[in-house]
Amino acid sequence: MAPPQSFLWARRVFLTLLTVFVVLPVFVMVTSSLKPLEDVTGKFQWIPSGLTVSPYFDIWETVPLADYFMNSLVVAGAATVCSVVIAVFAAYAVSRYNFRGKRVFTVTVLSTQMFPGILFLLPLFLIYVNIGNATGIALFGSRIGLIITYLTFSLPFSIWMLIGYFDSVPRDLDEAAKVDGCGPLGALFRVIVPAAIPGIVAVAVYAFMTAWGEVLFASVMTNETTRTLAVGLQGYSTQNDVYWNQVMAASLVVSLPVVAGFLLLQRYLVTGLTAGAVK
């Protein structure tokens, strides 16, 4: 039976309002990034009187945005790879084997998501400083230290989600692989991983997006040479002025990798999140 006309009109109105709510900030962002600074700081105009692309060139000179971009790319990429690799092995072990402390492990992994990130900030800071003083290994203010920091909150979620996804993969595939002469690792890489690609992609996207836009830990655990994009954008604000047009332009530029990756992997992400959420 077709829905009533009142429902269809209400849905259209709601979707229209939702679209305006989502698109309007993006429109303001794009137009502000194409305005001269005096137009941005002056009276707001919905239709710009003059457009310029100079902010997109100036953002690379006002602050070392290329260095920040490289730092974010290295840190987010390494954190993503480590999260995926470790989560695959951990989730496979929990999903396919029974061992002492299995339930305690899974509950502990899940319970870490209950605590706010700021709770771990001071302990990690003290641990990194003490390790540096005792061994000379500089974790504080380094890319490696920031990667380890991001693993503390992306890895537990990744493990938990992949456990649910691996549980949805029939165990008959494991048995068939063993009949063909595969060991546990052979079954994992030749059968389970190819069948779990959507879940693995979902984990990778989550880990990358979490590390790419993180501000709290990056603002404390980095220095001038290891600063990431999320913190480096503050450089467009000086004591005398705020380069709002460059802020908007830089925000759009640094958002492109995440948006492009999300659009390309959207079908894997939706499938992975759906399958991993239902056991």
Foldseek 3Di string as FASTA:
>chain_A
DDDDPVVVVVVVVVVVVVVCVVVVVVLVLVQLLFDAQVQNPDDDDSDDPDGHNVLLVCLCVLFVQVLQAVLLCVLLVVLLVVLLVVLLVLLLCLQPHDDPCSVVVLVVLVCLQVDDLVVCQVVLVVVQVVCCVVPVDRLFADSNVLSVSLCSPLNSVLNLLVNLLLNPPDCVLVVVVVVVPDDPVRSSVVPRCVVQVLQSLLSSLVSSVCSQQDDPNLVGRHDSSNRHPNVRLCSQDDPVGHRSSSSSSSVVVSCVVSVVSCVVSVVSNVVSNVSSVHD
